[in-house]
Amino acid sequence: MSVQLPTSSASTPEQQSSSRNRVAAGVALIAIGLLLVVVQILKINIPGWLFLGGLGAIFLAWGLLTRTFGLVIPGGVLGGIAMGIFLTELPLTGMTDGASGGLFLLGFSLGWALLTLLSPLTNERIQWWPLIPGGIMAAIGAILLLGGFGLQLLTLIGVAWPLILVVIGVYLLLKRR
């Protein structure tokens, strides 16, 4: 006669997390597939910003549900590109190419800022690094919106920044001694 111990029907937290991640991955892949199928079969001519924004939203939801920052990154980047495209397609009369590019970069930088804002929902700490590319894009976009003066300023920065790197390098070498 053997005695069997009762088994627990409750799963471990790791099993629950794995199951949640698998379900979220399945739902995300189905959503992406359906989006692509609908566009292909119905030959819908949806704006590029809306398509990219939809993909970005799927990745954002997937990353937040699974608490995976690596999935939030493409969501923020795609969302930023979608916002940039949307801003450039606004019917603003008399907008120059420089201003259009500036608006695109400002919209794109919002996607990078979104990564920092959403990072606490996926990790135990805030991810600050997305503010570096986002801040650079926002600064260049704002300068482009200044028009001719902004283009002259960017030209000056283009000449000066390599020299600044040389000065910083020399400083680090001399400081070491």
N, C-alpha and C. Protein backbone atom coordinates (compact mmCIF):
# COMPACT_ATOMS: atom_id res chain seq x y z
N MET A 1 0.83 -1.16 0.00
CA MET A 1 0.00 0.00 0.00
C MET A 1 0.89 1.24 0.00
N SER A 2 0.65 2.10 -0.96
CA SER A 2 1.45 3.31 -1.06
C SER A 2 0.61 4.52 -0.69
N VAL A 3 1.27 5.49 -0.16
CA VAL A 3 0.60 6.72 0.25
C VAL A 3 1.01 7.81 -0.73
N GLN A 4 0.02 8.47 -1.27
CA GLN A 4 0.30 9.58 -2.18
C GLN A 4 0.01 10.88 -1.46
N LEU A 5 0.99 11.77 -1.57
CA LEU A 5 0.81 13.09 -0.97
C LEU A 5 -0.05 13.95 -1.87
N PRO A 6 -0.88 14.78 -1.29
CA PRO A 6 -1.70 15.65 -2.13
C PRO A 6 -0.82 16.63 -2.90
N THR A 7 -1.14 16.81 -4.14
CA THR A 7 -0.41 17.77 -4.96
C THR A 7 -1.15 19.09 -4.97
N SER A 8 -0.41 20.13 -5.02
CA SER A 8 -0.99 21.46 -5.02
C SER A 8 -1.39 21.82 -6.44
N SER A 9 -2.61 22.30 -6.58
CA SER A 9 -3.06 22.72 -7.91
C SER A 9 -2.60 24.15 -8.21
N ALA A 10 -2.12 24.85 -7.19
CA ALA A 10 -1.64 26.22 -7.41
C ALA A 10 -0.26 26.18 -8.07
N SER A 11 -0.08 27.02 -9.03
CA SER A 11 1.21 27.05 -9.73
C SER A 11 2.13 28.06 -9.05
N THR A 12 3.41 27.91 -9.31
CA THR A 12 4.39 28.82 -8.74
C THR A 12 4.34 30.16 -9.45
N PRO A 13 4.87 31.21 -8.83
CA PRO A 13 4.89 32.52 -9.50
C PRO A 13 5.64 32.48 -10.83
N GLU A 14 6.70 31.67 -10.91
CA GLU A 14 7.45 31.57 -12.16
C GLU A 14 6.59 30.96 -13.26
N GLN A 15 5.80 29.95 -12.92
CA GLN A 15 4.92 29.33 -13.90
C GLN A 15 3.83 30.30 -14.34
N GLN A 16 3.29 31.06 -13.40
CA GLN A 16 2.27 32.04 -13.75
C GLN A 16 2.84 33.11 -14.66
N SER A 17 4.06 33.58 -14.37
CA SER A 17 4.70 34.59 -15.21
C SER A 17 4.98 34.04 -16.60
N SER A 18 5.45 32.81 -16.67
CA SER A 18 5.73 32.19 -17.97
C SER A 18 4.45 32.03 -18.78
N SER A 19 3.39 31.64 -18.12
CA SER A 19 2.11 31.48 -18.81
C SER A 19 1.59 32.83 -19.31
N ARG A 20 1.71 33.86 -18.46
CA ARG A 20 1.28 35.20 -18.85
C ARG A 20 2.09 35.71 -20.04
N ASN A 21 3.40 35.47 -20.01
CA ASN A 21 4.26 35.90 -21.12
C ASN A 21 3.91 35.18 -22.41
N ARG A 22 3.61 33.89 -22.33
CA ARG A 22 3.24 33.12 -23.51
C ARG A 22 1.92 33.60 -24.09
N VAL A 23 0.97 33.89 -23.23
CA VAL A 23 -0.33 34.39 -23.70
C VAL A 23 -0.16 35.76 -24.34
N ALA A 24 0.60 36.64 -23.69
CA ALA A 24 0.82 37.98 -24.24
C ALA A 24 1.53 37.91 -25.59
N ALA A 25 2.52 37.02 -25.70
CA ALA A 25 3.23 36.87 -26.97
C ALA A 25 2.28 36.37 -28.05
N GLY A 26 1.45 35.40 -27.72
CA GLY A 26 0.49 34.88 -28.69
C GLY A 26 -0.49 35.95 -29.14
N VAL A 27 -1.03 36.70 -28.20
CA VAL A 27 -1.99 37.75 -28.55
C VAL A 27 -1.32 38.83 -29.39
N ALA A 28 -0.08 39.22 -29.04
CA ALA A 28 0.62 40.25 -29.79
C ALA A 28 0.89 39.79 -31.22
N LEU A 29 1.35 38.57 -31.38
CA LEU A 29 1.63 38.07 -32.73
C LEU A 29 0.35 37.94 -33.56
N ILE A 30 -0.74 37.53 -32.93
CA ILE A 30 -2.02 37.46 -33.63
C ILE A 30 -2.45 38.87 -34.06
N ALA A 31 -2.30 39.85 -33.16
CA ALA A 31 -2.69 41.24 -33.49
C ALA A 31 -1.85 41.77 -34.64
N ILE A 32 -0.55 41.54 -34.62
CA ILE A 32 0.31 42.00 -35.72
C ILE A 32 -0.08 41.30 -37.02
N GLY A 33 -0.28 39.98 -36.95
CA GLY A 33 -0.68 39.23 -38.15
C GLY A 33 -2.00 39.70 -38.70
N LEU A 34 -2.99 39.91 -37.83
CA LEU A 34 -4.30 40.38 -38.30
C LEU A 34 -4.21 41.77 -38.92
N LEU A 35 -3.40 42.64 -38.32
CA LEU A 35 -3.21 43.97 -38.88
C LEU A 35 -2.65 43.88 -40.30
N LEU A 36 -1.65 43.04 -40.48
CA LEU A 36 -1.04 42.88 -41.80
C LEU A 36 -2.00 42.22 -42.80
N VAL A 37 -2.74 41.21 -42.34
CA VAL A 37 -3.69 40.52 -43.22
C VAL A 37 -4.80 41.46 -43.67
N VAL A 38 -5.34 42.23 -42.73
CA VAL A 38 -6.43 43.16 -43.07
C VAL A 38 -5.94 44.18 -44.09
N VAL A 39 -4.73 44.71 -43.89
CA VAL A 39 -4.19 45.69 -44.83
C VAL A 39 -4.00 45.06 -46.21
N GLN A 40 -3.51 43.83 -46.26
CA GLN A 40 -3.25 43.17 -47.54
C GLN A 40 -4.54 42.75 -48.25
N ILE A 41 -5.42 42.09 -47.53
CA ILE A 41 -6.63 41.55 -48.17
C ILE A 41 -7.59 42.66 -48.57
N LEU A 42 -7.84 43.58 -47.67
CA LEU A 42 -8.79 44.64 -47.96
C LEU A 42 -8.17 45.77 -48.77
N LYS A 43 -6.86 45.68 -48.98
CA LYS A 43 -6.12 46.69 -49.73
C LYS A 43 -6.45 48.09 -49.21
N ILE A 44 -6.45 48.17 -47.88
CA ILE A 44 -6.73 49.44 -47.23
C ILE A 44 -5.50 50.33 -47.36
N ASN A 45 -5.72 51.54 -47.73
CA ASN A 45 -4.63 52.49 -47.84
C ASN A 45 -4.62 53.35 -46.58
N ILE A 46 -4.10 52.76 -45.51
CA ILE A 46 -4.06 53.52 -44.26
C ILE A 46 -2.79 54.36 -44.23
N PRO A 47 -2.85 55.50 -43.57
CA PRO A 47 -1.65 56.34 -43.49
C PRO A 47 -0.51 55.61 -42.78
N GLY A 48 0.70 55.89 -43.19
CA GLY A 48 1.87 55.24 -42.61
C GLY A 48 1.97 55.48 -41.11
N TRP A 49 1.64 56.69 -40.67
CA TRP A 49 1.74 56.98 -39.25
C TRP A 49 0.77 56.13 -38.44
N LEU A 50 -0.40 55.85 -39.01
CA LEU A 50 -1.38 55.04 -38.30
C LEU A 50 -0.94 53.58 -38.22
N PHE A 51 -0.38 53.07 -39.30
CA PHE A 51 0.11 51.70 -39.32
C PHE A 51 1.26 51.53 -38.31
N LEU A 52 2.24 52.44 -38.38
CA LEU A 52 3.37 52.34 -37.45
C LEU A 52 2.93 52.57 -36.01
N GLY A 53 1.98 53.47 -35.82
CA GLY A 53 1.45 53.70 -34.48
C GLY A 53 0.74 52.47 -33.94
N GLY A 54 0.02 51.76 -34.81
CA GLY A 54 -0.64 50.52 -34.39
C GLY A 54 0.37 49.45 -33.99
N LEU A 55 1.42 49.31 -34.79
CA LEU A 55 2.48 48.35 -34.43
C LEU A 55 3.14 48.76 -33.11
N GLY A 56 3.40 50.06 -32.97
CA GLY A 56 4.01 50.55 -31.74
C GLY A 56 3.13 50.26 -30.53
N ALA A 57 1.83 50.47 -30.67
CA ALA A 57 0.90 50.21 -29.56
C ALA A 57 0.89 48.73 -29.18
N ILE A 58 0.97 47.85 -30.18
CA ILE A 58 1.01 46.41 -29.90
C ILE A 58 2.27 46.07 -29.10
N PHE A 59 3.42 46.60 -29.52
CA PHE A 59 4.65 46.32 -28.79
C PHE A 59 4.62 46.92 -27.38
N LEU A 60 4.07 48.12 -27.25
CA LEU A 60 3.98 48.74 -25.93
C LEU A 60 3.11 47.89 -24.99
N ALA A 61 1.95 47.47 -25.49
CA ALA A 61 1.06 46.65 -24.67
C ALA A 61 1.73 45.33 -24.31
N TRP A 62 2.38 44.70 -25.28
CA TRP A 62 3.07 43.43 -25.06
C TRP A 62 4.16 43.60 -24.00
N GLY A 63 4.97 44.64 -24.13
CA GLY A 63 6.04 44.87 -23.17
C GLY A 63 5.53 45.19 -21.78
N LEU A 64 4.45 45.95 -21.68
CA LEU A 64 3.91 46.29 -20.37
C LEU A 64 3.23 45.10 -19.72
N LEU A 65 2.54 44.28 -20.51
CA LEU A 65 1.89 43.10 -19.94
C LEU A 65 2.90 42.09 -19.43
N THR A 66 4.01 41.95 -20.13
CA THR A 66 5.02 40.97 -19.72
C THR A 66 6.11 41.60 -18.86
N ARG A 67 6.00 42.91 -18.65
CA ARG A 67 6.99 43.66 -17.88
C ARG A 67 8.40 43.47 -18.45
N THR A 68 8.46 43.56 -19.79
CA THR A 68 9.71 43.37 -20.52
C THR A 68 10.07 44.66 -21.23
N PHE A 69 11.10 45.34 -20.73
CA PHE A 69 11.49 46.63 -21.31
C PHE A 69 11.97 46.47 -22.75
N GLY A 70 12.56 45.32 -23.07
CA GLY A 70 13.03 45.07 -24.43
C GLY A 70 11.92 45.11 -25.47
N LEU A 71 10.69 44.86 -25.07
CA LEU A 71 9.55 44.95 -25.99
C LEU A 71 8.96 46.36 -26.01
N VAL A 72 9.17 47.10 -24.94
CA VAL A 72 8.68 48.48 -24.89
C VAL A 72 9.52 49.35 -25.83
N ILE A 73 10.80 49.02 -26.01
CA ILE A 73 11.69 49.83 -26.84
C ILE A 73 11.17 49.96 -28.27
N PRO A 74 10.89 48.85 -29.00
CA PRO A 74 10.38 49.05 -30.36
C PRO A 74 9.02 49.75 -30.36
N GLY A 75 8.23 49.57 -29.32
CA GLY A 75 6.96 50.26 -29.23
C GLY A 75 7.13 51.77 -29.15
N GLY A 76 8.07 52.22 -28.31
CA GLY A 76 8.33 53.64 -28.20
C GLY A 76 8.94 54.23 -29.46
N VAL A 77 9.87 53.49 -30.06
CA VAL A 77 10.51 53.97 -31.28
C VAL A 77 9.50 54.07 -32.42
N LEU A 78 8.70 53.02 -32.61
CA LEU A 78 7.68 53.05 -33.67
C LEU A 78 6.64 54.14 -33.39
N GLY A 79 6.26 54.28 -32.13
CA GLY A 79 5.30 55.33 -31.78
C GLY A 79 5.87 56.72 -32.05
N GLY A 80 7.15 56.91 -31.76
CA GLY A 80 7.79 58.20 -32.03
C GLY A 80 7.87 58.50 -33.52
N ILE A 81 8.22 57.48 -34.31
CA ILE A 81 8.26 57.67 -35.76
C ILE A 81 6.86 58.00 -36.27
N ALA A 82 5.85 57.30 -35.76
CA ALA A 82 4.47 57.57 -36.18
C ALA A 82 4.08 59.00 -35.84
N MET A 83 4.46 59.46 -34.64
CA MET A 83 4.14 60.84 -34.24
C MET A 83 4.86 61.83 -35.14
N GLY A 84 6.11 61.55 -35.46
CA GLY A 84 6.87 62.44 -36.35
C GLY A 84 6.24 62.54 -37.73
N ILE A 85 5.83 61.39 -38.28
CA ILE A 85 5.17 61.39 -39.60
C ILE A 85 3.86 62.16 -39.52
N PHE A 86 3.08 61.91 -38.46
CA PHE A 86 1.81 62.61 -38.29
C PHE A 86 2.01 64.12 -38.27
N LEU A 87 3.01 64.58 -37.52
CA LEU A 87 3.25 66.03 -37.43
C LEU A 87 3.66 66.63 -38.76
N THR A 88 4.41 65.87 -39.57
CA THR A 88 4.83 66.41 -40.87
C THR A 88 3.69 66.42 -41.88
N GLU A 89 2.66 65.61 -41.64
CA GLU A 89 1.53 65.56 -42.57
C GLU A 89 0.42 66.55 -42.20
N LEU A 90 0.61 67.31 -41.13
CA LEU A 90 -0.38 68.32 -40.78
C LEU A 90 -0.41 69.39 -41.88
N PRO A 91 -1.58 69.89 -42.19
CA PRO A 91 -1.67 70.89 -43.28
C PRO A 91 -1.21 72.27 -42.84
N LEU A 92 0.08 72.40 -42.55
CA LEU A 92 0.63 73.70 -42.17
C LEU A 92 1.12 74.39 -43.43
N THR A 93 0.56 75.52 -43.73
CA THR A 93 0.94 76.22 -44.97
C THR A 93 2.28 76.90 -44.80
N GLY A 94 3.07 76.86 -45.85
CA GLY A 94 4.35 77.55 -45.87
C GLY A 94 5.43 76.88 -45.05
N MET A 95 5.27 75.59 -44.71
CA MET A 95 6.27 74.91 -43.92
C MET A 95 7.44 74.52 -44.82
N THR A 96 8.65 74.92 -44.44
CA THR A 96 9.84 74.59 -45.22
C THR A 96 10.26 73.15 -44.93
N ASP A 97 11.19 72.65 -45.75
CA ASP A 97 11.70 71.31 -45.52
C ASP A 97 12.39 71.20 -44.17
N GLY A 98 13.10 72.27 -43.79
CA GLY A 98 13.77 72.28 -42.50
C GLY A 98 12.79 72.21 -41.35
N ALA A 99 11.70 72.96 -41.47
CA ALA A 99 10.67 72.94 -40.42
C ALA A 99 9.98 71.59 -40.37
N SER A 100 9.74 71.00 -41.52
CA SER A 100 9.13 69.67 -41.57
C SER A 100 10.04 68.64 -40.91
N GLY A 101 11.32 68.71 -41.21
CA GLY A 101 12.28 67.81 -40.57
C GLY A 101 12.36 68.04 -39.08
N GLY A 102 12.28 69.31 -38.67
CA GLY A 102 12.29 69.63 -37.25
C GLY A 102 11.09 69.06 -36.52
N LEU A 103 9.91 69.18 -37.14
CA LEU A 103 8.70 68.60 -36.53
C LEU A 103 8.81 67.08 -36.43
N PHE A 104 9.36 66.45 -37.48
CA PHE A 104 9.53 65.00 -37.42
C PHE A 104 10.44 64.61 -36.25
N LEU A 105 11.56 65.30 -36.11
CA LEU A 105 12.49 64.96 -35.03
C LEU A 105 11.87 65.20 -33.66
N LEU A 106 11.08 66.25 -33.52
CA LEU A 106 10.40 66.50 -32.24
C LEU A 106 9.42 65.37 -31.91
N GLY A 107 8.66 64.94 -32.92
CA GLY A 107 7.74 63.82 -32.70
C GLY A 107 8.47 62.54 -32.37
N PHE A 108 9.55 62.27 -33.10
CA PHE A 108 10.34 61.07 -32.87
C PHE A 108 10.94 61.08 -31.47
N SER A 109 11.36 62.25 -31.01
CA SER A 109 11.96 62.34 -29.67
C SER A 109 10.94 62.02 -28.58
N LEU A 110 9.65 62.26 -28.85
CA LEU A 110 8.62 61.92 -27.86
C LEU A 110 8.57 60.42 -27.60
N GLY A 111 8.81 59.62 -28.64
CA GLY A 111 8.84 58.17 -28.47
C GLY A 111 9.96 57.74 -27.54
N TRP A 112 11.12 58.40 -27.65
CA TRP A 112 12.24 58.08 -26.77
C TRP A 112 11.94 58.50 -25.34
N ALA A 113 11.30 59.65 -25.16
CA ALA A 113 10.92 60.10 -23.82
C ALA A 113 9.91 59.13 -23.20
N LEU A 114 9.03 58.60 -24.04
CA LEU A 114 8.04 57.64 -23.55
C LEU A 114 8.71 56.41 -22.94
N LEU A 115 9.83 56.01 -23.51
CA LEU A 115 10.56 54.85 -22.97
C LEU A 115 10.97 55.09 -21.52
N THR A 116 11.47 56.28 -21.24
CA THR A 116 11.86 56.60 -19.87
C THR A 116 10.65 56.63 -18.95
N LEU A 117 9.55 57.19 -19.44
CA LEU A 117 8.33 57.27 -18.61
C LEU A 117 7.75 55.89 -18.29
N LEU A 118 7.84 54.96 -19.25
CA LEU A 118 7.26 53.64 -19.04
C LEU A 118 8.20 52.65 -18.37
N SER A 119 9.48 52.97 -18.31
CA SER A 119 10.45 52.01 -17.76
C SER A 119 10.16 51.58 -16.33
N PRO A 120 9.65 52.44 -15.44
CA PRO A 120 9.36 51.94 -14.09
C PRO A 120 8.26 50.87 -14.06
N LEU A 121 7.46 50.80 -15.10
CA LEU A 121 6.41 49.79 -15.14
C LEU A 121 6.94 48.42 -15.56
N THR A 122 8.18 48.39 -16.03
CA THR A 122 8.76 47.12 -16.47
C THR A 122 9.96 46.70 -15.63
N ASN A 123 10.70 47.62 -15.10
CA ASN A 123 11.89 47.33 -14.30
C ASN A 123 11.76 47.97 -12.94
N GLU A 124 12.67 47.62 -12.07
CA GLU A 124 12.63 48.22 -10.75
C GLU A 124 13.24 49.62 -10.71
N ARG A 125 13.88 50.03 -11.80
CA ARG A 125 14.46 51.37 -11.81
C ARG A 125 14.17 52.06 -13.13
N ILE A 126 14.32 53.38 -13.12
CA ILE A 126 14.05 54.19 -14.31
C ILE A 126 15.22 54.07 -15.28
N GLN A 127 14.89 53.90 -16.54
CA GLN A 127 15.90 53.85 -17.60
C GLN A 127 16.07 55.27 -18.15
N TRP A 128 17.22 55.88 -17.87
CA TRP A 128 17.46 57.25 -18.30
C TRP A 128 18.09 57.35 -19.68
N TRP A 129 18.72 56.28 -20.16
CA TRP A 129 19.46 56.35 -21.41
C TRP A 129 18.63 56.77 -22.62
N PRO A 130 17.31 56.46 -22.71
CA PRO A 130 16.57 56.92 -23.89
C PRO A 130 16.48 58.43 -24.02
N LEU A 131 16.71 59.15 -22.92
CA LEU A 131 16.65 60.61 -22.99
C LEU A 131 17.84 61.18 -23.76
N ILE A 132 18.92 60.41 -23.91
CA ILE A 132 20.08 60.91 -24.64
C ILE A 132 19.76 61.03 -26.13
N PRO A 133 19.38 59.93 -26.83
CA PRO A 133 19.03 60.11 -28.25
C PRO A 133 17.80 60.99 -28.43
N GLY A 134 16.83 60.86 -27.52
CA GLY A 134 15.63 61.69 -27.62
C GLY A 134 15.93 63.16 -27.44
N GLY A 135 16.80 63.48 -26.49
CA GLY A 135 17.17 64.87 -26.26
C GLY A 135 17.95 65.46 -27.42
N ILE A 136 18.84 64.66 -28.01
CA ILE A 136 19.59 65.14 -29.17
C ILE A 136 18.65 65.40 -30.33
N MET A 137 17.70 64.48 -30.56
CA MET A 137 16.73 64.68 -31.65
C MET A 137 15.86 65.91 -31.39
N ALA A 138 15.43 66.08 -30.16
CA ALA A 138 14.58 67.23 -29.83
C ALA A 138 15.35 68.54 -30.02
N ALA A 139 16.61 68.56 -29.61
CA ALA A 139 17.41 69.77 -29.76
C ALA A 139 17.61 70.11 -31.24
N ILE A 140 17.96 69.09 -32.04
CA ILE A 140 18.15 69.34 -33.47
C ILE A 140 16.83 69.76 -34.12
N GLY A 141 15.73 69.12 -33.73
CA GLY A 141 14.43 69.49 -34.27
C GLY A 141 14.06 70.92 -33.93
N ALA A 142 14.31 71.33 -32.69
CA ALA A 142 14.00 72.71 -32.29
C ALA A 142 14.87 73.70 -33.05
N ILE A 143 16.14 73.35 -33.26
CA ILE A 143 17.04 74.24 -34.01
C ILE A 143 16.57 74.36 -35.46
N LEU A 144 16.13 73.24 -36.05
CA LEU A 144 15.64 73.28 -37.43
C LEU A 144 14.41 74.17 -37.57
N LEU A 145 13.60 74.23 -36.53
CA LEU A 145 12.40 75.08 -36.58
C LEU A 145 12.75 76.56 -36.57
N LEU A 146 13.98 76.90 -36.20
CA LEU A 146 14.40 78.31 -36.20
C LEU A 146 14.64 78.84 -37.60
N GLY A 147 14.69 77.97 -38.59
CA GLY A 147 14.87 78.42 -39.97
C GLY A 147 16.33 78.62 -40.33
N GLY A 148 16.61 79.71 -41.06
CA GLY A 148 17.97 79.98 -41.55
C GLY A 148 18.99 80.08 -40.44
N PHE A 149 18.64 80.77 -39.35
CA PHE A 149 19.56 80.88 -38.22
C PHE A 149 19.86 79.50 -37.65
N GLY A 150 18.83 78.66 -37.56
CA GLY A 150 19.02 77.32 -37.05
C GLY A 150 19.95 76.49 -37.91
N LEU A 151 19.83 76.64 -39.24
CA LEU A 151 20.72 75.91 -40.14
C LEU A 151 22.16 76.39 -39.99
N GLN A 152 22.36 77.69 -39.81
CA GLN A 152 23.71 78.21 -39.58
C GLN A 152 24.27 77.68 -38.25
N LEU A 153 23.41 77.63 -37.24
CA LEU A 153 23.83 77.11 -35.94
C LEU A 153 24.22 75.63 -36.04
N LEU A 154 23.44 74.85 -36.77
CA LEU A 154 23.78 73.43 -36.97
C LEU A 154 25.08 73.27 -37.73
N THR A 155 25.34 74.14 -38.70
CA THR A 155 26.61 74.10 -39.43
C THR A 155 27.76 74.38 -38.48
N LEU A 156 27.60 75.36 -37.63
CA LEU A 156 28.64 75.68 -36.65
C LEU A 156 28.86 74.52 -35.69
N ILE A 157 27.78 73.94 -35.20
CA ILE A 157 27.88 72.79 -34.30
C ILE A 157 28.57 71.63 -35.01
N GLY A 158 28.26 71.44 -36.29
CA GLY A 158 28.87 70.36 -37.07
C GLY A 158 30.38 70.51 -37.17
N VAL A 159 30.86 71.74 -37.19
CA VAL A 159 32.31 71.98 -37.24
C VAL A 159 32.91 71.90 -35.85
N ALA A 160 32.18 72.37 -34.84
CA ALA A 160 32.75 72.50 -33.50
C ALA A 160 32.77 71.20 -32.70
N TRP A 161 31.80 70.32 -32.86
CA TRP A 161 31.73 69.18 -31.95
C TRP A 161 32.92 68.24 -32.08
N PRO A 162 33.50 68.01 -33.26
CA PRO A 162 34.70 67.17 -33.27
C PRO A 162 35.87 67.81 -32.51
N LEU A 163 35.95 69.16 -32.58
CA LEU A 163 37.01 69.85 -31.85
C LEU A 163 36.79 69.74 -30.34
N ILE A 164 35.54 69.76 -29.93
CA ILE A 164 35.22 69.59 -28.51
C ILE A 164 35.64 68.21 -28.04
N LEU A 165 35.43 67.19 -28.87
CA LEU A 165 35.87 65.84 -28.52
C LEU A 165 37.38 65.77 -28.36
N VAL A 166 38.11 66.45 -29.25
CA VAL A 166 39.58 66.48 -29.15
C VAL A 166 40.01 67.15 -27.85
N VAL A 167 39.39 68.27 -27.50
CA VAL A 167 39.73 68.98 -26.27
C VAL A 167 39.45 68.09 -25.05
N ILE A 168 38.32 67.42 -25.02
CA ILE A 168 37.99 66.53 -23.90
C ILE A 168 39.00 65.39 -23.82
N GLY A 169 39.38 64.83 -24.98
CA GLY A 169 40.38 63.75 -24.99
C GLY A 169 41.72 64.21 -24.46
N VAL A 170 42.17 65.38 -24.88
CA VAL A 170 43.44 65.92 -24.39
C VAL A 170 43.36 66.16 -22.88
N TYR A 171 42.26 66.70 -22.43
CA TYR A 171 42.07 66.93 -20.99
C TYR A 171 42.17 65.62 -20.21
N LEU A 172 41.52 64.57 -20.70
CA LEU A 172 41.57 63.29 -19.99
C LEU A 172 42.98 62.72 -19.96
N LEU A 173 43.74 62.88 -21.05
CA LEU A 173 45.11 62.40 -21.06
C LEU A 173 46.00 63.19 -20.11
N LEU A 174 45.84 64.52 -20.06
CA LEU A 174 46.66 65.34 -19.19
C LEU A 174 46.27 65.16 -17.72
N LYS A 175 45.01 64.95 -17.45
CA LYS A 175 44.54 64.75 -16.09
C LYS A 175 45.11 63.47 -15.50
N ARG A 176 45.31 62.48 -16.35
CA ARG A 176 45.81 61.17 -15.90
C ARG A 176 47.20 61.30 -15.31
N ARG A 177 48.02 62.22 -15.87
CA ARG A 177 49.40 62.38 -15.39
C ARG A 177 49.37 63.15 -14.15
